[in-house]
Amino acid sequence: MAKNKKEPVKYNFFDDVYAVVKLIPKGRVTNYGAIGRYLGTGLSARMVGWAMNAAHAHKKLPAHRVVNAQGLLTGKHHFETPTAMQERLEKDGVVVKKDKVQDFEKRFWDPAKEL
């Protein structure tokens, strides 16, 4: 390759998802769709879910703060124990009953409005 040619810029959607997740404040939660909409791909909630499923390599990522659109802990099986996600949310001050965030609307953090 010639020295003057630039390498193509590589885009990594997962890294963008993780950058947003790092910004979720303690005591708040968001969902897959809100992250996708913020990143300009409103129909990509499933892709955000895939990114979150692969997030175990990012130890400091507050992945427990990402739930589904109804506030359910649908990603809990990707944590080291079946109760780890709920335990981390409760440590953040979020009440969870029957795998659902209580006061979900009050706790909801929308990156499109808050960033």
C-alpha atoms as a PDB file:
ATOM      1  CA  MET A   1       0.000   0.000   0.000  1.00  0.00           C
ATOM      2  CA  ALA A   2       1.284   3.467  -0.840  1.00  0.00           C
ATOM      3  CA  LYS A   3       2.280   5.672   2.076  1.00  0.00           C
ATOM      4  CA  ASN A   4      -0.211   8.392   1.149  1.00  0.00           C
ATOM      5  CA  LYS A   5      -3.255   6.125   1.219  1.00  0.00           C
ATOM      6  CA  LYS A   6      -5.245   6.169   4.423  1.00  0.00           C
ATOM      7  CA  GLU A   7      -6.434   3.011   6.087  1.00  0.00           C
ATOM      8  CA  PRO A   8     -10.229   2.769   6.138  1.00  0.00           C
ATOM      9  CA  VAL A   9     -11.809   3.789   9.408  1.00  0.00           C
ATOM     10  CA  LYS A  10     -13.146   0.749  11.217  1.00  0.00           C
ATOM     11  CA  TYR A  11     -16.468   1.173  12.970  1.00  0.00           C
ATOM     12  CA  ASN A  12     -17.251  -1.031  15.920  1.00  0.00           C
ATOM     13  CA  PHE A  13     -20.892  -0.854  16.997  1.00  0.00           C
ATOM     14  CA  PHE A  14     -20.196  -2.855  20.159  1.00  0.00           C
ATOM     15  CA  ASP A  15     -17.634  -0.279  21.313  1.00  0.00           C
ATOM     16  CA  ASP A  16     -20.191   2.489  20.796  1.00  0.00           C
ATOM     17  CA  VAL A  17     -22.733   0.537  22.845  1.00  0.00           C
ATOM     18  CA  TYR A  18     -20.194   0.091  25.658  1.00  0.00           C
ATOM     19  CA  ALA A  19     -19.355   3.807  25.605  1.00  0.00           C
ATOM     20  CA  VAL A  20     -23.037   4.627  26.208  1.00  0.00           C
ATOM     21  CA  VAL A  21     -23.440   1.949  28.897  1.00  0.00           C
ATOM     22  CA  LYS A  22     -20.496   3.424  30.821  1.00  0.00           C
ATOM     23  CA  LEU A  23     -22.477   6.673  31.109  1.00  0.00           C
ATOM     24  CA  ILE A  24     -25.595   5.195  32.752  1.00  0.00           C
ATOM     25  CA  PRO A  25     -25.749   6.797  36.201  1.00  0.00           C
ATOM     26  CA  LYS A  26     -25.860   4.699  39.360  1.00  0.00           C
ATOM     27  CA  GLY A  27     -29.465   4.098  40.396  1.00  0.00           C
ATOM     28  CA  ARG A  28     -30.757   4.370  36.828  1.00  0.00           C
ATOM     29  CA  VAL A  29     -31.421   1.842  34.061  1.00  0.00           C
ATOM     30  CA  THR A  30     -31.900   1.971  30.323  1.00  0.00           C
ATOM     31  CA  ASN A  31     -32.934  -0.517  27.689  1.00  0.00           C
ATOM     32  CA  TYR A  32     -31.553  -1.989  24.496  1.00  0.00           C
ATOM     33  CA  GLY A  33     -33.807   0.053  22.228  1.00  0.00           C
ATOM     34  CA  ALA A  34     -32.935   3.390  23.855  1.00  0.00           C
ATOM     35  CA  ILE A  35     -29.244   2.722  23.316  1.00  0.00           C
ATOM     36  CA  GLY A  36     -29.881   1.716  19.691  1.00  0.00           C
ATOM     37  CA  ARG A  37     -31.954   4.855  19.036  1.00  0.00           C
ATOM     38  CA  TYR A  38     -29.269   7.040  20.587  1.00  0.00           C
ATOM     39  CA  LEU A  39     -26.683   5.476  18.292  1.00  0.00           C
ATOM     40  CA  GLY A  40     -28.902   6.224  15.302  1.00  0.00           C
ATOM     41  CA  THR A  41     -30.090   2.687  14.674  1.00  0.00           C
ATOM     42  CA  GLY A  42     -33.530   2.547  16.226  1.00  0.00           C
ATOM     43  CA  LEU A  43     -34.271  -0.921  14.951  1.00  0.00           C
ATOM     44  CA  SER A  44     -31.107  -2.423  16.405  1.00  0.00           C
ATOM     45  CA  ALA A  45     -32.203  -3.326  19.939  1.00  0.00           C
ATOM     46  CA  ARG A  46     -31.250  -6.895  19.095  1.00  0.00           C
ATOM     47  CA  MET A  47     -27.736  -5.821  18.086  1.00  0.00           C
ATOM     48  CA  VAL A  48     -27.394  -3.921  21.364  1.00  0.00           C
ATOM     49  CA  GLY A  49     -28.453  -7.138  23.084  1.00  0.00           C
ATOM     50  CA  TRP A  50     -25.721  -9.040  21.259  1.00  0.00           C
ATOM     51  CA  ALA A  51     -23.201  -6.438  22.363  1.00  0.00           C
ATOM     52  CA  MET A  52     -24.373  -6.776  25.952  1.00  0.00           C
ATOM     53  CA  ASN A  53     -24.152 -10.577  25.732  1.00  0.00           C
ATOM     54  CA  ALA A  54     -20.499 -10.155  24.756  1.00  0.00           C
ATOM     55  CA  ALA A  55     -19.825  -7.570  27.477  1.00  0.00           C
ATOM     56  CA  HIS A  56     -18.431 -10.066  30.000  1.00  0.00           C
ATOM     57  CA  ALA A  57     -14.916  -9.211  28.794  1.00  0.00           C
ATOM     58  CA  HIS A  58     -15.432  -5.622  29.975  1.00  0.00           C
ATOM     59  CA  LYS A  59     -15.195  -6.038  33.740  1.00  0.00           C
ATOM     60  CA  LYS A  60     -15.930  -2.402  34.682  1.00  0.00           C
ATOM     61  CA  LEU A  61     -18.912  -2.029  32.372  1.00  0.00           C
ATOM     62  CA  PRO A  62     -22.173  -1.522  34.333  1.00  0.00           C
ATOM     63  CA  ALA A  63     -23.997  -4.031  32.129  1.00  0.00           C
ATOM     64  CA  HIS A  64     -26.477  -4.717  34.936  1.00  0.00           C
ATOM     65  CA  ARG A  65     -28.071  -1.316  34.215  1.00  0.00           C
ATOM     66  CA  VAL A  66     -29.358  -2.442  30.791  1.00  0.00           C
ATOM     67  CA  VAL A  67     -32.736  -4.183  30.909  1.00  0.00           C
ATOM     68  CA  ASN A  68     -35.490  -4.835  28.385  1.00  0.00           C
ATOM     69  CA  ALA A  69     -38.201  -2.347  27.384  1.00  0.00           C
ATOM     70  CA  GLN A  70     -40.482  -3.438  30.247  1.00  0.00           C
ATOM     71  CA  GLY A  71     -37.731  -3.290  32.872  1.00  0.00           C
ATOM     72  CA  LEU A  72     -37.206  -7.051  32.988  1.00  0.00           C
ATOM     73  CA  LEU A  73     -33.777  -8.526  33.739  1.00  0.00           C
ATOM     74  CA  THR A  74     -33.693 -10.541  30.537  1.00  0.00           C
ATOM     75  CA  GLY A  75     -29.892 -10.497  30.435  1.00  0.00           C
ATOM     76  CA  LYS A  76     -29.415 -11.992  33.889  1.00  0.00           C
ATOM     77  CA  HIS A  77     -28.336 -15.378  32.549  1.00  0.00           C
ATOM     78  CA  HIS A  78     -25.213 -13.743  31.072  1.00  0.00           C
ATOM     79  CA  PHE A  79     -23.873 -12.873  34.526  1.00  0.00           C
ATOM     80  CA  GLU A  80     -21.691 -15.126  36.681  1.00  0.00           C
ATOM     81  CA  THR A  81     -24.669 -16.195  38.824  1.00  0.00           C
ATOM     82  CA  PRO A  82     -28.449 -16.053  38.210  1.00  0.00           C
ATOM     83  CA  THR A  83     -28.837 -13.368  40.904  1.00  0.00           C
ATOM     84  CA  ALA A  84     -25.766 -11.205  40.162  1.00  0.00           C
ATOM     85  CA  MET A  85     -27.613  -8.704  37.957  1.00  0.00           C
ATOM     86  CA  GLN A  86     -30.309  -8.114  40.566  1.00  0.00           C
ATOM     87  CA  GLU A  87     -27.742  -7.890  43.363  1.00  0.00           C
ATOM     88  CA  ARG A  88     -25.785  -5.219  41.483  1.00  0.00           C
ATOM     89  CA  LEU A  89     -28.925  -3.218  40.740  1.00  0.00           C
ATOM     90  CA  GLU A  90     -29.966  -3.400  44.389  1.00  0.00           C
ATOM     91  CA  LYS A  91     -26.484  -2.227  45.406  1.00  0.00           C
ATOM     92  CA  ASP A  92     -27.142   0.766  43.108  1.00  0.00           C
ATOM     93  CA  GLY A  93     -30.387   1.438  44.996  1.00  0.00           C
ATOM     94  CA  VAL A  94     -32.737  -0.041  42.388  1.00  0.00           C
ATOM     95  CA  VAL A  95     -35.581  -2.190  43.726  1.00  0.00           C
ATOM     96  CA  VAL A  96     -36.155  -5.401  41.764  1.00  0.00           C
ATOM     97  CA  LYS A  97     -39.098  -7.765  42.322  1.00  0.00           C
ATOM     98  CA  LYS A  98     -39.726 -10.919  40.305  1.00  0.00           C
ATOM     99  CA  ASP A  99     -36.910  -9.982  37.891  1.00  0.00           C
ATOM    100  CA  LYS A 100     -38.472  -6.578  37.146  1.00  0.00           C
ATOM    101  CA  VAL A 101     -37.195  -3.094  38.000  1.00  0.00           C
ATOM    102  CA  GLN A 102     -39.716  -1.336  40.193  1.00  0.00           C
ATOM    103  CA  ASP A 103     -40.521   2.297  39.309  1.00  0.00           C
ATOM    104  CA  PHE A 104     -39.061   1.596  35.880  1.00  0.00           C
ATOM    105  CA  GLU A 105     -40.387   4.829  34.352  1.00  0.00           C
ATOM    106  CA  LYS A 106     -38.841   6.859  37.198  1.00  0.00           C
ATOM    107  CA  ARG A 107     -35.512   5.001  36.967  1.00  0.00           C
ATOM    108  CA  PHE A 108     -35.356   5.033  33.165  1.00  0.00           C
ATOM    109  CA  TRP A 109     -32.357   6.859  31.681  1.00  0.00           C
ATOM    110  CA  ASP A 110     -32.743   7.843  28.032  1.00  0.00           C
ATOM    111  CA  PRO A 111     -29.371   8.710  26.508  1.00  0.00           C
ATOM    112  CA  ALA A 112     -31.087  10.674  23.704  1.00  0.00           C
ATOM    113  CA  LYS A 113     -32.529  13.078  26.283  1.00  0.00           C
ATOM    114  CA  GLU A 114     -29.799  13.012  28.936  1.00  0.00           C
ATOM    115  CA  LEU A 115     -26.649  13.249  26.836  1.00  0.00           C
END
